[in-house]
Amino acid sequence: MTTTTNQARTTPLQLAFLLAPLLIALILIVSGLYFWGNPIPEITQDNALLLTLSGLLILSLSTYWLIQTRKRMLKILTAEPPKMTTTLQCSKCGIKNVRDFQRGDYIYKQTDEPCPNDKEKMTISAIFHEIKDKPKETYYV
């Protein structure tokens, strides 16, 4: 059985979405600090403070967003795929047999596996995956 590794690849568009808020925040912070120390008539110290605070706000929000996205991606990439099961059915006697899913299985496929009763070829009648039940939380009122 071949194992594949799930690796997250960053596309240029994703990289732009990650770096754009950080770049905007850096520009706002630097310009706010510059105008704070070197005020000009059009930009007062209050406006410079607003530039700096908005840059810090954008920086903190984008950092939070980046951390949450990273956690979500790690959770998705490390999750195990569900166990797939195939149900085989004999068309002659109707007996059903359950086995693990194999690559290439599809519904109504004639398999080479013989029926245990009459040695006829069995047909795949269902493919499903097991759902793990999450423990239910009980709330006491």
C-alpha atoms as a PDB file:
ATOM      1  CA  MET A   1       0.000   0.000   0.000  1.00  0.00           C
ATOM      2  CA  THR A   2       1.404   3.368  -0.968  1.00  0.00           C
ATOM      3  CA  THR A   3       1.483   6.070   1.675  1.00  0.00           C
ATOM      4  CA  THR A   4       1.131   9.669   0.684  1.00  0.00           C
ATOM      5  CA  THR A   5       2.030  12.659   2.761  1.00  0.00           C
ATOM      6  CA  ASN A   6      -0.183  15.692   2.855  1.00  0.00           C
ATOM      7  CA  GLN A   7       1.957  18.777   2.529  1.00  0.00           C
ATOM      8  CA  ALA A   8       0.549  22.251   2.441  1.00  0.00           C
ATOM      9  CA  ARG A   9       1.860  24.161  -0.540  1.00  0.00           C
ATOM     10  CA  THR A  10       1.641  27.933  -0.459  1.00  0.00           C
ATOM     11  CA  THR A  11       0.580  29.513  -3.730  1.00  0.00           C
ATOM     12  CA  PRO A  12       1.631  33.056  -4.661  1.00  0.00           C
ATOM     13  CA  LEU A  13      -1.946  34.267  -4.127  1.00  0.00           C
ATOM     14  CA  GLN A  14      -2.033  32.813  -0.609  1.00  0.00           C
ATOM     15  CA  LEU A  15       1.325  34.381   0.103  1.00  0.00           C
ATOM     16  CA  ALA A  16       0.010  37.748  -1.071  1.00  0.00           C
ATOM     17  CA  PHE A  17      -3.023  37.428   1.236  1.00  0.00           C
ATOM     18  CA  LEU A  18      -0.703  36.642   4.132  1.00  0.00           C
ATOM     19  CA  LEU A  19       1.842  39.374   3.493  1.00  0.00           C
ATOM     20  CA  ALA A  20      -0.429  42.235   2.378  1.00  0.00           C
ATOM     21  CA  PRO A  21      -1.961  42.953   5.821  1.00  0.00           C
ATOM     22  CA  LEU A  22       1.453  42.695   7.443  1.00  0.00           C
ATOM     23  CA  LEU A  23       2.921  45.127   4.933  1.00  0.00           C
ATOM     24  CA  ILE A  24       0.031  47.576   5.366  1.00  0.00           C
ATOM     25  CA  ALA A  25       0.368  47.361   9.152  1.00  0.00           C
ATOM     26  CA  LEU A  26       4.109  47.989   8.950  1.00  0.00           C
ATOM     27  CA  ILE A  27       3.605  51.029   6.689  1.00  0.00           C
ATOM     28  CA  LEU A  28       0.967  52.468   9.041  1.00  0.00           C
ATOM     29  CA  ILE A  29       3.096  51.938  12.135  1.00  0.00           C
ATOM     30  CA  VAL A  30       6.258  53.407  10.597  1.00  0.00           C
ATOM     31  CA  SER A  31       4.434  56.404   9.107  1.00  0.00           C
ATOM     32  CA  GLY A  32       2.569  57.030  12.378  1.00  0.00           C
ATOM     33  CA  LEU A  33       5.790  56.957  14.376  1.00  0.00           C
ATOM     34  CA  TYR A  34       7.515  59.180  11.830  1.00  0.00           C
ATOM     35  CA  PHE A  35       4.755  61.795  11.916  1.00  0.00           C
ATOM     36  CA  TRP A  36       4.620  61.559  15.705  1.00  0.00           C
ATOM     37  CA  GLY A  37       8.234  62.694  15.927  1.00  0.00           C
ATOM     38  CA  ASN A  38       8.161  65.048  12.914  1.00  0.00           C
ATOM     39  CA  PRO A  39       4.702  66.654  12.849  1.00  0.00           C
ATOM     40  CA  ILE A  40       3.630  68.592   9.789  1.00  0.00           C
ATOM     41  CA  PRO A  41       0.624  70.950   9.696  1.00  0.00           C
ATOM     42  CA  GLU A  42      -1.569  68.509   7.749  1.00  0.00           C
ATOM     43  CA  ILE A  43      -0.915  65.578  10.113  1.00  0.00           C
ATOM     44  CA  THR A  44      -1.169  66.310  13.816  1.00  0.00           C
ATOM     45  CA  GLN A  45       0.095  64.088  16.616  1.00  0.00           C
ATOM     46  CA  ASP A  46      -3.459  62.818  17.095  1.00  0.00           C
ATOM     47  CA  ASN A  47      -3.557  61.640  13.486  1.00  0.00           C
ATOM     48  CA  ALA A  48      -0.117  60.092  13.861  1.00  0.00           C
ATOM     49  CA  LEU A  49      -1.349  58.244  16.943  1.00  0.00           C
ATOM     50  CA  LEU A  50      -4.363  56.982  14.995  1.00  0.00           C
ATOM     51  CA  LEU A  51      -2.075  55.731  12.208  1.00  0.00           C
ATOM     52  CA  THR A  52       0.119  53.884  14.698  1.00  0.00           C
ATOM     53  CA  LEU A  53      -2.810  52.353  16.589  1.00  0.00           C
ATOM     54  CA  SER A  54      -4.560  51.248  13.410  1.00  0.00           C
ATOM     55  CA  GLY A  55      -1.320  49.662  12.227  1.00  0.00           C
ATOM     56  CA  LEU A  56      -0.960  47.827  15.543  1.00  0.00           C
ATOM     57  CA  LEU A  57      -4.587  46.682  15.326  1.00  0.00           C
ATOM     58  CA  ILE A  58      -4.109  45.340  11.794  1.00  0.00           C
ATOM     59  CA  LEU A  59      -0.870  43.655  12.876  1.00  0.00           C
ATOM     60  CA  SER A  60      -2.495  41.943  15.858  1.00  0.00           C
ATOM     61  CA  LEU A  61      -5.573  40.821  13.905  1.00  0.00           C
ATOM     62  CA  SER A  62      -3.540  39.453  11.013  1.00  0.00           C
ATOM     63  CA  THR A  63      -1.246  37.614  13.440  1.00  0.00           C
ATOM     64  CA  TYR A  64      -4.273  36.076  15.157  1.00  0.00           C
ATOM     65  CA  TRP A  65      -5.738  35.100  11.770  1.00  0.00           C
ATOM     66  CA  LEU A  66      -2.429  33.550  10.698  1.00  0.00           C
ATOM     67  CA  ILE A  67      -2.155  31.485  13.900  1.00  0.00           C
ATOM     68  CA  GLN A  68      -5.750  30.234  13.623  1.00  0.00           C
ATOM     69  CA  THR A  69      -5.307  29.333   9.956  1.00  0.00           C
ATOM     70  CA  ARG A  70      -2.125  27.428  10.762  1.00  0.00           C
ATOM     71  CA  LYS A  71      -3.865  25.475  13.537  1.00  0.00           C
ATOM     72  CA  ARG A  72      -6.764  24.613  11.241  1.00  0.00           C
ATOM     73  CA  MET A  73      -4.455  23.451   8.450  1.00  0.00           C
ATOM     74  CA  LEU A  74      -2.449  21.261  10.836  1.00  0.00           C
ATOM     75  CA  LYS A  75      -5.683  19.722  12.107  1.00  0.00           C
ATOM     76  CA  ILE A  76      -6.848  18.987   8.564  1.00  0.00           C
ATOM     77  CA  LEU A  77      -3.500  17.566   7.433  1.00  0.00           C
ATOM     78  CA  THR A  78      -3.049  15.313  10.462  1.00  0.00           C
ATOM     79  CA  ALA A  79      -6.606  13.935  10.460  1.00  0.00           C
ATOM     80  CA  GLU A  80      -6.939  10.275   9.582  1.00  0.00           C
ATOM     81  CA  PRO A  81      -9.187   9.411   6.659  1.00  0.00           C
ATOM     82  CA  PRO A  82     -12.286   7.396   7.601  1.00  0.00           C
ATOM     83  CA  LYS A  83     -12.152   3.614   7.298  1.00  0.00           C
ATOM     84  CA  MET A  84     -13.961   2.589   4.118  1.00  0.00           C
ATOM     85  CA  THR A  85     -15.894  -0.686   3.973  1.00  0.00           C
ATOM     86  CA  THR A  86     -17.256  -2.597   0.973  1.00  0.00           C
ATOM     87  CA  THR A  87     -20.301  -4.881   1.055  1.00  0.00           C
ATOM     88  CA  LEU A  88     -20.322  -7.803  -1.386  1.00  0.00           C
ATOM     89  CA  GLN A  89     -23.533  -9.631  -2.309  1.00  0.00           C
ATOM     90  CA  CYS A  90     -24.124 -12.845  -4.190  1.00  0.00           C
ATOM     91  CA  SER A  91     -26.677 -12.408  -6.952  1.00  0.00           C
ATOM     92  CA  LYS A  92     -27.740 -16.064  -6.783  1.00  0.00           C
ATOM     93  CA  CYS A  93     -28.264 -16.762  -3.068  1.00  0.00           C
ATOM     94  CA  GLY A  94     -28.255 -13.187  -1.676  1.00  0.00           C
ATOM     95  CA  ILE A  95     -25.595 -13.736   0.994  1.00  0.00           C
ATOM     96  CA  LYS A  96     -23.696 -10.612   2.016  1.00  0.00           C
ATOM     97  CA  ASN A  97     -20.022 -10.343   2.894  1.00  0.00           C
ATOM     98  CA  VAL A  98     -18.208  -7.294   4.286  1.00  0.00           C
ATOM     99  CA  ARG A  99     -14.547  -6.495   3.625  1.00  0.00           C
ATOM    100  CA  ASP A 100     -12.188  -3.524   3.655  1.00  0.00           C
ATOM    101  CA  PHE A 101     -12.371  -1.135   0.728  1.00  0.00           C
ATOM    102  CA  GLN A 102      -9.848  -1.747  -2.034  1.00  0.00           C
ATOM    103  CA  ARG A 103      -8.749   0.771  -4.643  1.00  0.00           C
ATOM    104  CA  GLY A 104     -10.891   0.343  -7.751  1.00  0.00           C
ATOM    105  CA  ASP A 105     -14.054  -0.738  -5.931  1.00  0.00           C
ATOM    106  CA  TYR A 106     -17.326   0.656  -7.221  1.00  0.00           C
ATOM    107  CA  ILE A 107     -20.964  -0.323  -6.813  1.00  0.00           C
ATOM    108  CA  TYR A 108     -22.231  -3.134  -9.104  1.00  0.00           C
ATOM    109  CA  LYS A 109     -18.665  -4.276  -9.868  1.00  0.00           C
ATOM    110  CA  GLN A 110     -18.310  -8.032 -10.386  1.00  0.00           C
ATOM    111  CA  THR A 111     -15.467  -9.188  -8.130  1.00  0.00           C
ATOM    112  CA  ASP A 112     -13.292 -12.267  -8.387  1.00  0.00           C
ATOM    113  CA  GLU A 113     -14.183 -13.275  -4.842  1.00  0.00           C
ATOM    114  CA  PRO A 114     -16.398 -16.376  -4.851  1.00  0.00           C
ATOM    115  CA  CYS A 115     -19.541 -16.758  -2.776  1.00  0.00           C
ATOM    116  CA  PRO A 116     -18.918 -19.070   0.208  1.00  0.00           C
ATOM    117  CA  ASN A 117     -22.170 -20.975  -0.505  1.00  0.00           C
ATOM    118  CA  ASP A 118     -22.330 -21.516  -4.252  1.00  0.00           C
ATOM    119  CA  LYS A 119     -18.950 -20.231  -5.562  1.00  0.00           C
ATOM    120  CA  GLU A 120     -20.584 -17.607  -7.814  1.00  0.00           C
ATOM    121  CA  LYS A 121     -18.841 -14.269  -8.330  1.00  0.00           C
ATOM    122  CA  MET A 122     -20.010 -11.626  -5.866  1.00  0.00           C
ATOM    123  CA  THR A 123     -21.124  -8.089  -6.751  1.00  0.00           C
ATOM    124  CA  ILE A 124     -20.314  -4.950  -4.745  1.00  0.00           C
ATOM    125  CA  SER A 125     -23.626  -3.681  -3.387  1.00  0.00           C
ATOM    126  CA  ALA A 126     -22.517  -0.870  -1.036  1.00  0.00           C
ATOM    127  CA  ILE A 127     -19.490   1.214  -0.095  1.00  0.00           C
ATOM    128  CA  PHE A 128     -19.549   3.212   3.113  1.00  0.00           C
ATOM    129  CA  HIS A 129     -17.317   4.635   5.807  1.00  0.00           C
ATOM    130  CA  GLU A 130     -17.604   4.284   9.537  1.00  0.00           C
ATOM    131  CA  ILE A 131     -18.576   7.386  11.466  1.00  0.00           C
ATOM    132  CA  LYS A 132     -16.948   7.699  14.842  1.00  0.00           C
ATOM    133  CA  ASP A 133     -19.461   8.889  17.396  1.00  0.00           C
ATOM    134  CA  LYS A 134     -18.306  11.866  19.388  1.00  0.00           C
ATOM    135  CA  PRO A 135     -19.067  11.631  23.079  1.00  0.00           C
ATOM    136  CA  LYS A 136     -22.165  13.642  23.851  1.00  0.00           C
ATOM    137  CA  GLU A 137     -21.769  16.447  26.324  1.00  0.00           C
ATOM    138  CA  THR A 138     -24.309  16.538  29.100  1.00  0.00           C
ATOM    139  CA  TYR A 139     -25.294  19.820  30.616  1.00  0.00           C
ATOM    140  CA  TYR A 140     -26.739  19.977  34.072  1.00  0.00           C
ATOM    141  CA  VAL A 141     -29.173  22.797  34.674  1.00  0.00           C
END
